[in-house]
Amino acid sequence: MAIRLNIRPTSEDLRGKSHWWGAPDLSKGMPYPYVEVNDGSEPYDEPLTFICQIRLAELAEADKDNLLPHTGMLYFFAAIDSFLGEDSPLLLPGSGYAGELVRVVYSAEENDLEPYEIHWYGTDESIFREAEAIEFLADDAQTGDGMLMLCRPYADEVSEQYPDHVTLLQVDEEDRWNLRFYDCGTLFFMIDKDALRQRQFDRVTTELYYL
């Protein structure tokens, strides 16, 4: 059974809770994922885009098949700035293993978390967008458009390419965020069923499907 994510703007404090965008709430000493950029000048580290954090206890009721842990935090990062209309030296590949350009991180720690701070160079302005709240709903449809977890890809081409995988997270286009994956595209975070059982979230790959 899939899990649908209803995402909405809010003024509530989402620290330590599930949220889309915003700054990730990390435990002390937990590193933020950066990628080294070598563009012919002095190499530098570029932060990956933070997409969302999931407090797994909050989706436990919707996870009817118990595919995920129901404690801890799950974080999603990927090089998608260019799909948000922003300049970036990092570009997510359209298919297959994306290496350091995608990170899915599980942490058993879910308390005493602090927002990670990154500011635009020379300012005190955060690089992160405003955090939005997430509501998790069990979805009998198993597939469809929108933001989903543990679903079957609605694109037959992706399902056929990954017959032994589960869509850990499906990221669809959204006008409100100016999020566009080329022409009518969707980003799938795919994980092998065995890796999911073993909680090996470092084995996640991505598939960027578009018409």
N, C-alpha and C. Protein backbone atom coordinates (compact mmCIF):
# COMPACT_ATOMS: atom_id res chain seq x y z
N MET A 1 0.84 -1.20 0.00
CA MET A 1 0.00 0.00 0.00
C MET A 1 0.88 1.24 0.00
N ALA A 2 0.62 2.16 -0.90
CA ALA A 2 1.41 3.38 -1.00
C ALA A 2 1.05 4.36 0.11
N ILE A 3 1.92 5.34 0.29
CA ILE A 3 1.67 6.42 1.25
C ILE A 3 1.68 7.73 0.48
N ARG A 4 0.61 8.48 0.57
CA ARG A 4 0.52 9.77 -0.09
C ARG A 4 0.96 10.87 0.87
N LEU A 5 1.74 11.82 0.35
CA LEU A 5 2.20 12.94 1.15
C LEU A 5 1.41 14.18 0.75
N ASN A 6 0.63 14.71 1.69
CA ASN A 6 -0.04 15.99 1.49
C ASN A 6 0.85 17.07 2.12
N ILE A 7 1.30 18.00 1.31
CA ILE A 7 2.27 19.00 1.74
C ILE A 7 1.61 20.37 1.73
N ARG A 8 1.79 21.12 2.81
CA ARG A 8 1.10 22.41 2.91
C ARG A 8 1.98 23.43 3.64
N PRO A 9 1.88 24.70 3.22
CA PRO A 9 2.57 25.76 3.96
C PRO A 9 2.01 25.85 5.38
N THR A 10 2.82 26.28 6.30
CA THR A 10 2.39 26.40 7.69
C THR A 10 3.27 27.39 8.42
N SER A 11 2.74 27.94 9.49
CA SER A 11 3.53 28.82 10.35
C SER A 11 3.98 28.09 11.61
N GLU A 12 3.60 26.82 11.75
CA GLU A 12 3.96 26.09 12.97
C GLU A 12 5.45 25.72 12.97
N ASP A 13 5.98 25.50 14.16
CA ASP A 13 7.37 25.11 14.32
C ASP A 13 7.50 23.63 13.96
N LEU A 14 8.27 23.34 12.92
CA LEU A 14 8.40 21.97 12.43
C LEU A 14 9.72 21.33 12.85
N ARG A 15 10.41 21.93 13.76
CA ARG A 15 11.69 21.37 14.18
C ARG A 15 11.50 19.97 14.76
N GLY A 16 12.26 19.01 14.23
CA GLY A 16 12.18 17.63 14.70
C GLY A 16 11.01 16.85 14.13
N LYS A 17 10.16 17.52 13.32
CA LYS A 17 9.02 16.87 12.71
C LYS A 17 9.29 16.63 11.22
N SER A 18 8.40 15.87 10.60
CA SER A 18 8.49 15.71 9.14
C SER A 18 8.25 17.06 8.48
N HIS A 19 9.06 17.38 7.50
CA HIS A 19 8.78 18.58 6.71
C HIS A 19 9.47 18.53 5.36
N TRP A 20 8.87 19.24 4.39
CA TRP A 20 9.38 19.39 3.03
C TRP A 20 10.07 20.74 2.97
N TRP A 21 11.23 20.80 2.31
CA TRP A 21 12.08 22.00 2.29
C TRP A 21 12.50 22.36 3.72
N GLY A 22 12.79 23.62 3.93
CA GLY A 22 13.34 24.03 5.21
C GLY A 22 14.78 23.53 5.35
N ALA A 23 15.31 23.65 6.54
CA ALA A 23 16.64 23.12 6.86
C ALA A 23 16.48 21.77 7.53
N PRO A 24 17.34 20.81 7.21
CA PRO A 24 17.23 19.52 7.89
C PRO A 24 17.62 19.65 9.36
N ASP A 25 16.89 18.96 10.21
CA ASP A 25 17.20 18.93 11.63
C ASP A 25 18.09 17.72 11.89
N LEU A 26 19.35 17.98 12.21
CA LEU A 26 20.34 16.91 12.32
C LEU A 26 20.79 16.74 13.75
N SER A 27 21.21 15.53 14.09
CA SER A 27 21.79 15.28 15.39
C SER A 27 23.21 15.84 15.44
N LYS A 28 23.73 16.04 16.61
CA LYS A 28 25.06 16.63 16.77
C LYS A 28 26.11 15.76 16.09
N GLY A 29 26.92 16.38 15.25
CA GLY A 29 27.98 15.66 14.56
C GLY A 29 27.57 15.00 13.27
N MET A 30 26.27 15.02 12.93
CA MET A 30 25.82 14.41 11.69
C MET A 30 26.15 15.34 10.53
N PRO A 31 26.90 14.87 9.52
CA PRO A 31 27.33 15.77 8.44
C PRO A 31 26.24 16.06 7.44
N TYR A 32 26.29 17.25 6.88
CA TYR A 32 25.43 17.61 5.75
C TYR A 32 26.14 17.18 4.48
N PRO A 33 25.42 16.61 3.50
CA PRO A 33 26.09 16.14 2.28
C PRO A 33 26.47 17.27 1.32
N TYR A 34 27.74 17.34 1.03
CA TYR A 34 28.29 18.28 0.04
C TYR A 34 28.94 17.47 -1.07
N VAL A 35 29.09 18.11 -2.23
CA VAL A 35 29.77 17.51 -3.37
C VAL A 35 30.89 18.44 -3.81
N GLU A 36 32.07 17.88 -4.01
CA GLU A 36 33.19 18.70 -4.47
C GLU A 36 33.01 19.05 -5.95
N VAL A 37 33.15 20.33 -6.27
CA VAL A 37 33.02 20.82 -7.63
C VAL A 37 34.39 21.21 -8.16
N ASN A 38 34.74 20.68 -9.31
CA ASN A 38 35.98 21.05 -9.99
C ASN A 38 35.61 21.62 -11.35
N ASP A 39 35.59 22.94 -11.46
CA ASP A 39 35.18 23.58 -12.71
C ASP A 39 36.32 24.33 -13.38
N GLY A 40 37.54 23.93 -13.07
CA GLY A 40 38.70 24.58 -13.67
C GLY A 40 39.35 25.61 -12.79
N SER A 41 38.63 26.07 -11.78
CA SER A 41 39.21 27.00 -10.82
C SER A 41 39.51 26.23 -9.53
N GLU A 42 39.58 26.93 -8.43
CA GLU A 42 39.83 26.27 -7.15
C GLU A 42 38.64 25.37 -6.79
N PRO A 43 38.88 24.08 -6.48
CA PRO A 43 37.76 23.20 -6.11
C PRO A 43 37.02 23.73 -4.88
N TYR A 44 35.71 23.52 -4.83
CA TYR A 44 34.93 23.94 -3.69
C TYR A 44 33.81 22.94 -3.45
N ASP A 45 33.23 22.99 -2.26
CA ASP A 45 32.14 22.08 -1.89
C ASP A 45 30.80 22.76 -2.07
N GLU A 46 29.91 22.07 -2.77
CA GLU A 46 28.55 22.57 -3.03
C GLU A 46 27.55 21.71 -2.26
N PRO A 47 26.66 22.32 -1.46
CA PRO A 47 25.68 21.51 -0.73
C PRO A 47 24.63 20.93 -1.66
N LEU A 48 24.23 19.69 -1.41
CA LEU A 48 23.10 19.13 -2.13
C LEU A 48 21.80 19.80 -1.67
N THR A 49 20.82 19.84 -2.54
CA THR A 49 19.51 20.37 -2.18
C THR A 49 18.84 19.45 -1.18
N PHE A 50 18.39 20.02 -0.08
CA PHE A 50 17.60 19.25 0.89
C PHE A 50 16.15 19.25 0.43
N ILE A 51 15.59 18.06 0.28
CA ILE A 51 14.21 17.93 -0.18
C ILE A 51 13.25 17.78 1.00
N CYS A 52 13.47 16.78 1.82
CA CYS A 52 12.55 16.58 2.94
C CYS A 52 13.17 15.70 4.01
N GLN A 53 12.58 15.76 5.19
CA GLN A 53 12.91 14.82 6.27
C GLN A 53 11.61 14.18 6.73
N ILE A 54 11.71 12.90 7.04
CA ILE A 54 10.55 12.13 7.48
C ILE A 54 10.82 11.62 8.89
N ARG A 55 10.00 12.05 9.84
CA ARG A 55 10.04 11.45 11.17
C ARG A 55 9.20 10.18 11.08
N LEU A 56 9.84 9.03 11.10
CA LEU A 56 9.20 7.80 10.69
C LEU A 56 8.04 7.38 11.59
N ALA A 57 8.04 7.81 12.83
CA ALA A 57 6.91 7.51 13.70
C ALA A 57 5.63 8.15 13.18
N GLU A 58 5.76 9.26 12.44
CA GLU A 58 4.59 9.98 11.96
C GLU A 58 3.90 9.27 10.79
N LEU A 59 4.63 8.41 10.08
CA LEU A 59 4.00 7.69 8.97
C LEU A 59 3.70 6.23 9.30
N ALA A 60 4.00 5.82 10.53
CA ALA A 60 3.85 4.40 10.90
C ALA A 60 2.44 3.89 10.64
N GLU A 61 1.43 4.68 10.97
CA GLU A 61 0.04 4.24 10.80
C GLU A 61 -0.29 4.03 9.32
N ALA A 62 0.31 4.83 8.45
CA ALA A 62 0.04 4.71 7.00
C ALA A 62 0.87 3.62 6.35
N ASP A 63 1.92 3.17 7.01
CA ASP A 63 2.79 2.12 6.45
C ASP A 63 2.20 0.75 6.79
N LYS A 64 1.13 0.39 6.08
CA LYS A 64 0.38 -0.82 6.40
C LYS A 64 1.20 -2.09 6.23
N ASP A 65 2.19 -2.05 5.33
CA ASP A 65 3.00 -3.24 5.07
C ASP A 65 4.29 -3.27 5.89
N ASN A 66 4.47 -2.30 6.77
CA ASN A 66 5.64 -2.23 7.65
C ASN A 66 6.95 -2.35 6.87
N LEU A 67 7.07 -1.60 5.81
CA LEU A 67 8.28 -1.64 4.99
C LEU A 67 9.40 -0.77 5.54
N LEU A 68 9.05 0.24 6.31
CA LEU A 68 10.03 1.17 6.84
C LEU A 68 10.19 1.01 8.35
N PRO A 69 11.33 1.42 8.91
CA PRO A 69 11.40 1.52 10.37
C PRO A 69 10.36 2.53 10.85
N HIS A 70 9.91 2.39 12.06
CA HIS A 70 8.91 3.31 12.59
C HIS A 70 9.47 4.17 13.70
N THR A 71 10.79 4.23 13.78
CA THR A 71 11.49 5.18 14.64
C THR A 71 12.64 5.77 13.84
N GLY A 72 13.14 6.91 14.29
CA GLY A 72 14.26 7.54 13.61
C GLY A 72 13.80 8.52 12.54
N MET A 73 14.78 9.02 11.79
CA MET A 73 14.55 10.04 10.77
C MET A 73 15.12 9.56 9.43
N LEU A 74 14.43 9.94 8.36
CA LEU A 74 14.88 9.63 7.00
C LEU A 74 14.98 10.95 6.24
N TYR A 75 16.18 11.20 5.66
CA TYR A 75 16.45 12.47 4.99
C TYR A 75 16.72 12.23 3.50
N PHE A 76 16.19 13.13 2.65
CA PHE A 76 16.38 13.03 1.20
C PHE A 76 17.08 14.29 0.69
N PHE A 77 18.19 14.07 -0.02
CA PHE A 77 18.94 15.15 -0.65
C PHE A 77 19.19 14.76 -2.11
N ALA A 78 19.19 15.74 -3.00
CA ALA A 78 19.52 15.47 -4.40
C ALA A 78 19.84 16.78 -5.11
N ALA A 79 20.60 16.68 -6.19
CA ALA A 79 21.02 17.86 -6.95
C ALA A 79 19.89 18.30 -7.89
N ILE A 80 18.88 18.97 -7.33
CA ILE A 80 17.72 19.37 -8.14
C ILE A 80 17.55 20.88 -8.24
N ASP A 81 18.55 21.66 -7.83
CA ASP A 81 18.41 23.12 -7.89
C ASP A 81 18.05 23.60 -9.29
N SER A 82 18.67 22.99 -10.32
CA SER A 82 18.41 23.45 -11.69
C SER A 82 16.96 23.22 -12.09
N PHE A 83 16.30 22.23 -11.47
CA PHE A 83 14.88 21.96 -11.78
C PHE A 83 13.95 22.89 -11.00
N LEU A 84 14.54 23.68 -10.09
CA LEU A 84 13.79 24.70 -9.37
C LEU A 84 14.03 26.09 -9.98
N GLY A 85 14.68 26.10 -11.14
CA GLY A 85 14.94 27.36 -11.82
C GLY A 85 16.12 28.12 -11.27
N GLU A 86 17.01 27.44 -10.53
CA GLU A 86 18.16 28.10 -9.92
C GLU A 86 19.45 27.65 -10.60
N ASP A 87 20.46 28.52 -10.57
CA ASP A 87 21.76 28.16 -11.11
C ASP A 87 22.45 27.19 -10.17
N SER A 88 23.08 26.17 -10.75
CA SER A 88 23.80 25.19 -9.93
C SER A 88 24.86 24.52 -10.78
N PRO A 89 26.02 24.24 -10.19
CA PRO A 89 27.05 23.48 -10.91
C PRO A 89 26.77 21.99 -10.92
N LEU A 90 25.74 21.57 -10.20
CA LEU A 90 25.41 20.15 -10.09
C LEU A 90 24.15 19.84 -10.88
N LEU A 91 24.17 18.76 -11.64
CA LEU A 91 22.99 18.38 -12.42
C LEU A 91 22.74 16.88 -12.25
N LEU A 92 21.56 16.56 -11.78
CA LEU A 92 21.19 15.17 -11.57
C LEU A 92 21.05 14.45 -12.91
N PRO A 93 21.66 13.27 -13.06
CA PRO A 93 21.51 12.54 -14.32
C PRO A 93 20.09 12.03 -14.49
N GLY A 94 19.73 11.78 -15.73
CA GLY A 94 18.36 11.36 -16.01
C GLY A 94 18.06 9.94 -15.58
N SER A 95 19.08 9.09 -15.46
CA SER A 95 18.81 7.69 -15.21
C SER A 95 19.94 7.04 -14.45
N GLY A 96 19.60 6.07 -13.62
CA GLY A 96 20.60 5.22 -13.01
C GLY A 96 21.25 5.80 -11.77
N TYR A 97 22.34 5.17 -11.37
CA TYR A 97 23.04 5.54 -10.14
C TYR A 97 23.61 6.94 -10.27
N ALA A 98 23.32 7.80 -9.31
CA ALA A 98 23.71 9.21 -9.38
C ALA A 98 24.89 9.52 -8.48
N GLY A 99 25.48 8.51 -7.85
CA GLY A 99 26.65 8.73 -7.01
C GLY A 99 26.37 9.72 -5.89
N GLU A 100 27.27 10.69 -5.74
CA GLU A 100 27.16 11.65 -4.65
C GLU A 100 26.06 12.69 -4.89
N LEU A 101 25.44 12.67 -6.07
CA LEU A 101 24.41 13.67 -6.37
C LEU A 101 23.06 13.33 -5.74
N VAL A 102 22.97 12.16 -5.13
CA VAL A 102 21.77 11.75 -4.38
C VAL A 102 22.21 11.15 -3.06
N ARG A 103 21.58 11.56 -1.99
CA ARG A 103 21.84 10.95 -0.68
C ARG A 103 20.51 10.73 0.03
N VAL A 104 20.31 9.52 0.49
CA VAL A 104 19.20 9.21 1.38
C VAL A 104 19.83 8.69 2.66
N VAL A 105 19.55 9.34 3.75
CA VAL A 105 20.23 9.05 5.01
C VAL A 105 19.21 8.67 6.07
N TYR A 106 19.44 7.54 6.71
CA TYR A 106 18.61 7.15 7.86
C TYR A 106 19.41 7.38 9.14
N SER A 107 18.76 7.95 10.14
CA SER A 107 19.37 8.14 11.45
C SER A 107 18.41 7.65 12.51
N ALA A 108 18.92 6.85 13.44
CA ALA A 108 18.10 6.38 14.55
C ALA A 108 17.78 7.50 15.54
N GLU A 109 18.57 8.58 15.48
CA GLU A 109 18.36 9.70 16.39
C GLU A 109 17.15 10.51 15.94
N GLU A 110 16.25 10.81 16.87
CA GLU A 110 15.07 11.61 16.54
C GLU A 110 14.78 12.68 17.57
N ASN A 111 15.66 12.81 18.54
CA ASN A 111 15.50 13.83 19.58
C ASN A 111 16.75 14.71 19.63
N ASP A 112 16.61 15.88 20.24
CA ASP A 112 17.72 16.83 20.38
C ASP A 112 18.34 17.15 19.02
N LEU A 113 17.49 17.37 18.03
CA LEU A 113 17.95 17.71 16.69
C LEU A 113 17.98 19.23 16.52
N GLU A 114 18.92 19.71 15.70
CA GLU A 114 19.04 21.14 15.46
C GLU A 114 19.06 21.41 13.96
N PRO A 115 18.39 22.49 13.51
CA PRO A 115 18.44 22.84 12.09
C PRO A 115 19.87 23.14 11.65
N TYR A 116 20.26 22.57 10.52
CA TYR A 116 21.58 22.83 9.98
C TYR A 116 21.56 24.20 9.30
N GLU A 117 22.59 25.00 9.54
CA GLU A 117 22.60 26.36 9.02
C GLU A 117 23.58 26.50 7.86
N ILE A 118 23.09 27.00 6.74
CA ILE A 118 23.92 27.42 5.62
C ILE A 118 23.36 28.77 5.16
N HIS A 119 24.22 29.77 5.00
CA HIS A 119 23.78 31.09 4.59
C HIS A 119 24.40 31.45 3.24
N TRP A 120 23.68 32.28 2.51
CA TRP A 120 24.24 32.81 1.27
C TRP A 120 25.52 33.58 1.60
N TYR A 121 26.50 33.45 0.75
CA TYR A 121 27.82 34.02 1.00
C TYR A 121 27.74 35.51 1.34
N GLY A 122 28.33 35.87 2.46
CA GLY A 122 28.40 37.27 2.88
C GLY A 122 27.14 37.81 3.50
N THR A 123 26.14 36.94 3.77
CA THR A 123 24.87 37.39 4.36
C THR A 123 24.50 36.47 5.51
N ASP A 124 23.44 36.86 6.23
CA ASP A 124 22.88 35.98 7.25
C ASP A 124 21.58 35.35 6.79
N GLU A 125 21.34 35.38 5.46
CA GLU A 125 20.12 34.81 4.88
C GLU A 125 20.31 33.32 4.60
N SER A 126 19.40 32.51 5.11
CA SER A 126 19.47 31.06 4.91
C SER A 126 19.28 30.71 3.44
N ILE A 127 19.98 29.67 2.98
CA ILE A 127 19.79 29.20 1.60
C ILE A 127 18.53 28.35 1.48
N PHE A 128 17.97 27.93 2.60
CA PHE A 128 16.86 26.99 2.57
C PHE A 128 15.52 27.69 2.36
N ARG A 129 14.64 27.02 1.63
CA ARG A 129 13.27 27.51 1.45
C ARG A 129 12.48 27.34 2.75
N GLU A 130 11.31 27.96 2.80
CA GLU A 130 10.45 27.81 3.97
C GLU A 130 9.98 26.36 4.09
N ALA A 131 10.06 25.82 5.30
CA ALA A 131 9.61 24.45 5.53
C ALA A 131 8.10 24.35 5.41
N GLU A 132 7.62 23.23 4.86
CA GLU A 132 6.19 22.96 4.75
C GLU A 132 5.85 21.65 5.43
N ALA A 133 4.68 21.59 6.03
CA ALA A 133 4.26 20.42 6.80
C ALA A 133 3.86 19.27 5.87
N ILE A 134 4.01 18.05 6.37
CA ILE A 134 3.65 16.85 5.61
C ILE A 134 2.63 16.03 6.42
N GLU A 135 1.56 15.63 5.75
CA GLU A 135 0.59 14.70 6.30
C GLU A 135 0.68 13.41 5.50
N PHE A 136 0.68 12.25 6.19
CA PHE A 136 0.84 10.95 5.53
C PHE A 136 -0.50 10.22 5.52
N LEU A 137 -0.90 9.73 4.33
CA LEU A 137 -2.16 9.03 4.18
C LEU A 137 -1.94 7.73 3.42
N ALA A 138 -2.48 6.62 3.93
CA ALA A 138 -2.42 5.36 3.19
C ALA A 138 -3.23 5.50 1.92
N ASP A 139 -2.69 4.96 0.81
CA ASP A 139 -3.31 5.12 -0.50
C ASP A 139 -3.46 3.75 -1.15
N ASP A 140 -4.70 3.29 -1.28
CA ASP A 140 -4.96 1.96 -1.86
C ASP A 140 -4.59 1.88 -3.34
N ALA A 141 -4.45 3.02 -3.99
CA ALA A 141 -4.23 3.03 -5.44
C ALA A 141 -2.88 2.44 -5.83
N GLN A 142 -1.91 2.44 -4.92
CA GLN A 142 -0.58 1.90 -5.17
C GLN A 142 0.27 2.77 -6.08
N THR A 143 -0.35 3.56 -6.92
CA THR A 143 0.40 4.39 -7.86
C THR A 143 -0.42 5.61 -8.21
N GLY A 144 0.18 6.55 -8.95
CA GLY A 144 -0.51 7.77 -9.34
C GLY A 144 0.45 8.93 -9.36
N ASP A 145 -0.08 10.14 -9.64
CA ASP A 145 0.79 11.30 -9.64
C ASP A 145 0.85 11.90 -8.24
N GLY A 146 1.63 12.96 -8.10
CA GLY A 146 1.78 13.58 -6.79
C GLY A 146 2.98 13.06 -6.04
N MET A 147 3.05 13.43 -4.75
CA MET A 147 4.15 13.00 -3.88
C MET A 147 3.73 11.73 -3.15
N LEU A 148 4.48 10.66 -3.37
CA LEU A 148 4.13 9.36 -2.81
C LEU A 148 5.38 8.68 -2.25
N MET A 149 5.15 7.73 -1.34
CA MET A 149 6.21 6.84 -0.85
C MET A 149 5.73 5.40 -0.97
N LEU A 150 6.68 4.48 -1.14
CA LEU A 150 6.42 3.04 -1.16
C LEU A 150 5.38 2.68 -2.22
N CYS A 151 5.47 3.35 -3.35
CA CYS A 151 4.48 3.14 -4.41
C CYS A 151 5.11 2.39 -5.59
N ARG A 152 4.27 2.04 -6.53
CA ARG A 152 4.72 1.52 -7.82
C ARG A 152 4.80 2.70 -8.78
N PRO A 153 5.90 2.87 -9.51
CA PRO A 153 5.99 3.99 -10.45
C PRO A 153 4.82 3.98 -11.44
N TYR A 154 4.19 5.13 -11.62
CA TYR A 154 3.07 5.18 -12.57
C TYR A 154 3.55 5.05 -14.00
N ALA A 155 4.85 5.30 -14.23
CA ALA A 155 5.42 5.17 -15.57
C ALA A 155 5.81 3.72 -15.80
N ASP A 156 5.17 3.05 -16.76
CA ASP A 156 5.45 1.64 -17.02
C ASP A 156 6.91 1.41 -17.36
N GLU A 157 7.53 2.39 -18.05
CA GLU A 157 8.93 2.24 -18.42
C GLU A 157 9.82 2.11 -17.19
N VAL A 158 9.50 2.85 -16.13
CA VAL A 158 10.30 2.78 -14.91
C VAL A 158 10.03 1.48 -14.17
N SER A 159 8.76 1.07 -14.10
CA SER A 159 8.42 -0.21 -13.46
C SER A 159 9.13 -1.38 -14.12
N GLU A 160 9.18 -1.36 -15.45
CA GLU A 160 9.81 -2.45 -16.18
C GLU A 160 11.33 -2.45 -15.98
N GLN A 161 11.90 -1.28 -15.83
CA GLN A 161 13.35 -1.18 -15.66
C GLN A 161 13.78 -1.61 -14.25
N TYR A 162 12.88 -1.43 -13.27
CA TYR A 162 13.21 -1.74 -11.87
C TYR A 162 12.18 -2.72 -11.29
N PRO A 163 12.13 -3.95 -11.80
CA PRO A 163 11.08 -4.89 -11.35
C PRO A 163 11.22 -5.32 -9.89
N ASP A 164 12.43 -5.25 -9.34
CA ASP A 164 12.66 -5.69 -7.97
C ASP A 164 12.86 -4.53 -7.02
N HIS A 165 12.38 -3.36 -7.40
CA HIS A 165 12.57 -2.17 -6.60
C HIS A 165 11.23 -1.61 -6.11
N VAL A 166 11.34 -0.78 -5.08
CA VAL A 166 10.21 -0.02 -4.55
C VAL A 166 10.55 1.46 -4.72
N THR A 167 9.55 2.27 -5.03
CA THR A 167 9.76 3.71 -5.06
C THR A 167 9.73 4.22 -3.62
N LEU A 168 10.92 4.54 -3.11
CA LEU A 168 11.00 5.03 -1.74
C LEU A 168 10.36 6.42 -1.63
N LEU A 169 10.58 7.24 -2.66
CA LEU A 169 9.94 8.57 -2.71
C LEU A 169 9.73 8.95 -4.16
N GLN A 170 8.54 9.44 -4.46
CA GLN A 170 8.21 9.96 -5.78
C GLN A 170 8.02 11.47 -5.66
N VAL A 171 8.81 12.23 -6.42
CA VAL A 171 8.72 13.69 -6.39
C VAL A 171 8.15 14.16 -7.72
N ASP A 172 6.98 14.76 -7.65
CA ASP A 172 6.30 15.22 -8.85
C ASP A 172 6.53 16.72 -9.04
N GLU A 173 6.16 17.22 -10.21
CA GLU A 173 6.27 18.65 -10.46
C GLU A 173 5.26 19.42 -9.60
N GLU A 174 5.61 20.68 -9.31
CA GLU A 174 4.73 21.49 -8.47
C GLU A 174 4.89 22.97 -8.85
N ASP A 175 3.80 23.57 -9.35
CA ASP A 175 3.82 24.98 -9.77
C ASP A 175 4.20 25.91 -8.63
N ARG A 176 3.71 25.60 -7.44
CA ARG A 176 3.93 26.50 -6.29
C ARG A 176 5.40 26.69 -5.99
N TRP A 177 6.20 25.68 -6.30
CA TRP A 177 7.65 25.76 -6.04
C TRP A 177 8.46 26.04 -7.31
N ASN A 178 7.79 26.19 -8.43
CA ASN A 178 8.48 26.31 -9.72
C ASN A 178 9.35 25.07 -9.98
N LEU A 179 8.86 23.92 -9.55
CA LEU A 179 9.60 22.67 -9.71
C LEU A 179 9.18 22.01 -11.01
N ARG A 180 10.13 21.86 -11.94
CA ARG A 180 9.86 21.29 -13.25
C ARG A 180 10.97 20.30 -13.62
N PHE A 181 10.59 19.08 -13.94
CA PHE A 181 11.55 18.09 -14.42
C PHE A 181 11.41 17.99 -15.94
N TYR A 182 12.06 18.90 -16.64
CA TYR A 182 11.96 18.99 -18.09
C TYR A 182 10.49 19.14 -18.50
N ASP A 183 9.95 18.21 -19.27
CA ASP A 183 8.58 18.33 -19.75
C ASP A 183 7.72 17.24 -19.11
N CYS A 184 6.88 17.63 -18.15
CA CYS A 184 5.98 16.67 -17.46
C CYS A 184 6.78 15.52 -16.86
N GLY A 185 7.73 15.84 -16.02
CA GLY A 185 8.61 14.82 -15.46
C GLY A 185 8.33 14.50 -14.00
N THR A 186 8.90 13.39 -13.57
CA THR A 186 8.79 12.92 -12.19
C THR A 186 10.13 12.31 -11.79
N LEU A 187 10.54 12.57 -10.56
CA LEU A 187 11.78 12.01 -10.03
C LEU A 187 11.43 10.87 -9.08
N PHE A 188 12.00 9.68 -9.36
CA PHE A 188 11.76 8.51 -8.52
C PHE A 188 13.03 8.14 -7.76
N PHE A 189 12.93 8.02 -6.44
CA PHE A 189 14.00 7.45 -5.63
C PHE A 189 13.69 5.96 -5.50
N MET A 190 14.49 5.12 -6.14
CA MET A 190 14.23 3.69 -6.20
C MET A 190 15.17 2.92 -5.26
N ILE A 191 14.64 1.92 -4.57
CA ILE A 191 15.47 1.09 -3.70
C ILE A 191 15.12 -0.38 -3.91
N ASP A 192 16.14 -1.20 -4.02
CA ASP A 192 15.97 -2.64 -4.15
C ASP A 192 15.25 -3.17 -2.91
N LYS A 193 14.33 -4.12 -3.11
CA LYS A 193 13.54 -4.63 -1.98
C LYS A 193 14.41 -5.25 -0.90
N ASP A 194 15.50 -5.91 -1.30
CA ASP A 194 16.40 -6.50 -0.32
C ASP A 194 17.12 -5.40 0.47
N ALA A 195 17.55 -4.34 -0.22
CA ALA A 195 18.20 -3.23 0.46
C ALA A 195 17.24 -2.55 1.43
N LEU A 196 15.98 -2.46 1.05
CA LEU A 196 14.98 -1.86 1.93
C LEU A 196 14.81 -2.69 3.19
N ARG A 197 14.74 -4.01 3.03
CA ARG A 197 14.61 -4.89 4.20
C ARG A 197 15.80 -4.74 5.14
N GLN A 198 16.99 -4.55 4.56
CA GLN A 198 18.20 -4.44 5.36
C GLN A 198 18.52 -3.00 5.79
N ARG A 199 17.63 -2.08 5.47
CA ARG A 199 17.78 -0.67 5.82
C ARG A 199 19.06 -0.08 5.23
N GLN A 200 19.39 -0.49 4.02
CA GLN A 200 20.59 0.01 3.35
C GLN A 200 20.19 1.14 2.40
N PHE A 201 19.89 2.28 3.00
CA PHE A 201 19.38 3.40 2.21
C PHE A 201 20.46 4.05 1.35
N ASP A 202 21.72 3.69 1.57
CA ASP A 202 22.78 4.19 0.71
C ASP A 202 22.74 3.53 -0.67
N ARG A 203 21.89 2.53 -0.85
CA ARG A 203 21.78 1.85 -2.14
C ARG A 203 20.64 2.41 -3.01
N VAL A 204 20.09 3.53 -2.60
CA VAL A 204 19.04 4.18 -3.39
C VAL A 204 19.62 4.72 -4.70
N THR A 205 18.90 4.55 -5.77
CA THR A 205 19.23 5.17 -7.05
C THR A 205 18.05 6.02 -7.49
N THR A 206 18.24 6.79 -8.56
CA THR A 206 17.16 7.65 -9.01
C THR A 206 16.85 7.40 -10.48
N GLU A 207 15.63 7.69 -10.84
CA GLU A 207 15.21 7.64 -12.24
C GLU A 207 14.39 8.90 -12.50
N LEU A 208 14.80 9.67 -13.49
CA LEU A 208 14.11 10.90 -13.84
C LEU A 208 13.33 10.63 -15.13
N TYR A 209 12.02 10.49 -14.98
CA TYR A 209 11.17 10.16 -16.12
C TYR A 209 10.46 11.42 -16.61
N TYR A 210 10.48 11.66 -17.92
CA TYR A 210 9.77 12.79 -18.48
C TYR A 210 9.35 12.46 -19.91
N LEU A 211 8.33 13.13 -20.37
CA LEU A 211 7.77 12.89 -21.69
C LEU A 211 8.61 13.55 -22.78
